[in-house]
C-alpha atoms as a PDB file:
ATOM      1  CA  MET A   1       0.225   0.026  -0.060  1.00  0.00           C
ATOM      2  CA  ALA A   2       2.488   2.465   1.063  1.00  0.00           C
ATOM      3  CA  ASP A   3       4.557   2.106  -2.276  1.00  0.00           C
ATOM      4  CA  ILE A   4       1.562   2.637  -4.087  1.00  0.00           C
ATOM      5  CA  ILE A   5       0.991   5.894  -2.466  1.00  0.00           C
ATOM      6  CA  VAL A   6       4.775   6.572  -2.955  1.00  0.00           C
ATOM      7  CA  THR A   7       5.051   5.600  -6.510  1.00  0.00           C
ATOM      8  CA  ASP A   8       1.819   8.338  -7.024  1.00  0.00           C
ATOM      9  CA  PHE A   9       3.474  11.026  -5.026  1.00  0.00           C
ATOM     10  CA  ARG A  10       4.937  13.782  -7.734  1.00  0.00           C
ATOM     11  CA  VAL A  11       5.624  17.773  -6.644  1.00  0.00           C
ATOM     12  CA  GLU A  12       7.267  19.934  -8.825  1.00  0.00           C
ATOM     13  CA  GLY A  13       8.653  17.581 -10.882  1.00  0.00           C
ATOM     14  CA  PHE A  14      10.090  15.204  -7.900  1.00  0.00           C
ATOM     15  CA  GLU A  15       9.336  11.663  -7.507  1.00  0.00           C
ATOM     16  CA  TYR A  16      10.568   8.659  -5.972  1.00  0.00           C
ATOM     17  CA  PRO A  17      12.086   6.431  -8.198  1.00  0.00           C
ATOM     18  CA  ASP A  18      12.767   2.557  -7.497  1.00  0.00           C
ATOM     19  CA  VAL A  19      10.331   2.186  -4.690  1.00  0.00           C
ATOM     20  CA  TRP A  20       9.859  -1.523  -5.206  1.00  0.00           C
ATOM     21  CA  GLU A  21      13.223  -1.759  -3.514  1.00  0.00           C
ATOM     22  CA  GLN A  22      12.233  -0.451  -0.482  1.00  0.00           C
ATOM     23  CA  ASN A  23      11.086  -2.829   2.492  1.00  0.00           C
ATOM     24  CA  TRP A  24       7.988  -1.184   4.011  1.00  0.00           C
ATOM     25  CA  GLU A  25       7.568  -4.060   6.509  1.00  0.00           C
ATOM     26  CA  ASP A  26       9.815  -2.843   9.429  1.00  0.00           C
ATOM     27  CA  TYR A  27      11.076   0.786  10.600  1.00  0.00           C
ATOM     28  CA  THR A  28      14.806   0.919  10.660  1.00  0.00           C
ATOM     29  CA  PHE A  29      16.529   1.419  13.742  1.00  0.00           C
ATOM     30  CA  HIS A  30      17.649   5.063  13.031  1.00  0.00           C
ATOM     31  CA  TYR A  31      13.780   6.101  12.197  1.00  0.00           C
ATOM     32  CA  LEU A  32      13.079   4.687  15.830  1.00  0.00           C
ATOM     33  CA  TRP A  33      15.941   6.272  17.572  1.00  0.00           C
ATOM     34  CA  CYS A  34      14.573   9.505  15.666  1.00  0.00           C
ATOM     35  CA  CYS A  35      11.156   9.017  17.140  1.00  0.00           C
ATOM     36  CA  HIS A  36      12.388   8.338  20.631  1.00  0.00           C
ATOM     37  CA  ALA A  37      14.511  11.318  20.292  1.00  0.00           C
ATOM     38  CA  ILE A  38      11.599  13.661  19.353  1.00  0.00           C
ATOM     39  CA  LEU A  39       9.573  12.422  22.131  1.00  0.00           C
ATOM     40  CA  SER A  40      12.078  12.925  24.582  1.00  0.00           C
ATOM     41  CA  GLY A  41      12.439  16.457  23.602  1.00  0.00           C
ATOM     42  CA  ILE A  42       8.735  17.294  23.886  1.00  0.00           C
ATOM     43  CA  GLN A  43       8.778  15.568  27.153  1.00  0.00           C
ATOM     44  CA  HIS A  44      11.688  17.746  28.722  1.00  0.00           C
ATOM     45  CA  TYR A  45       9.950  20.794  27.066  1.00  0.00           C
ATOM     46  CA  TYR A  46       6.839  20.395  28.794  1.00  0.00           C
ATOM     47  CA  GLU A  47       8.733  19.476  31.840  1.00  0.00           C
ATOM     48  CA  ALA A  48      10.603  22.900  31.824  1.00  0.00           C
ATOM     49  CA  LYS A  49       7.503  24.761  30.836  1.00  0.00           C
ATOM     50  CA  ALA A  50       5.539  23.788  34.120  1.00  0.00           C
ATOM     51  CA  ALA A  51       8.500  24.313  36.102  1.00  0.00           C
ATOM     52  CA  ALA A  52       8.533  27.640  34.458  1.00  0.00           C
ATOM     53  CA  ASP A  53       4.940  28.275  34.782  1.00  0.00           C
ATOM     54  CA  GLY A  54       5.245  26.925  38.640  1.00  0.00           C
ATOM     55  CA  GLU A  55       7.754  29.133  39.337  1.00  0.00           C
ATOM     56  CA  ALA A  56       5.894  32.451  37.903  1.00  0.00           C
ATOM     57  CA  ALA A  57       2.923  31.285  39.721  1.00  0.00           C
ATOM     58  CA  GLY A  58       4.262  31.101  43.175  1.00  0.00           C
END
């Protein structure tokens, strides 16, 4: 399914060639690592914001 969507995707002359070579079954280690890093960054942001809001109210 994903290969069909990517094959049909074209923007300003850009397209994805050779999508049949891609493995769409599993996420790579690097992709998962980036997802975890993003979630960790969001969590740290919310914790810092909550601490700053607590100091401003106190």
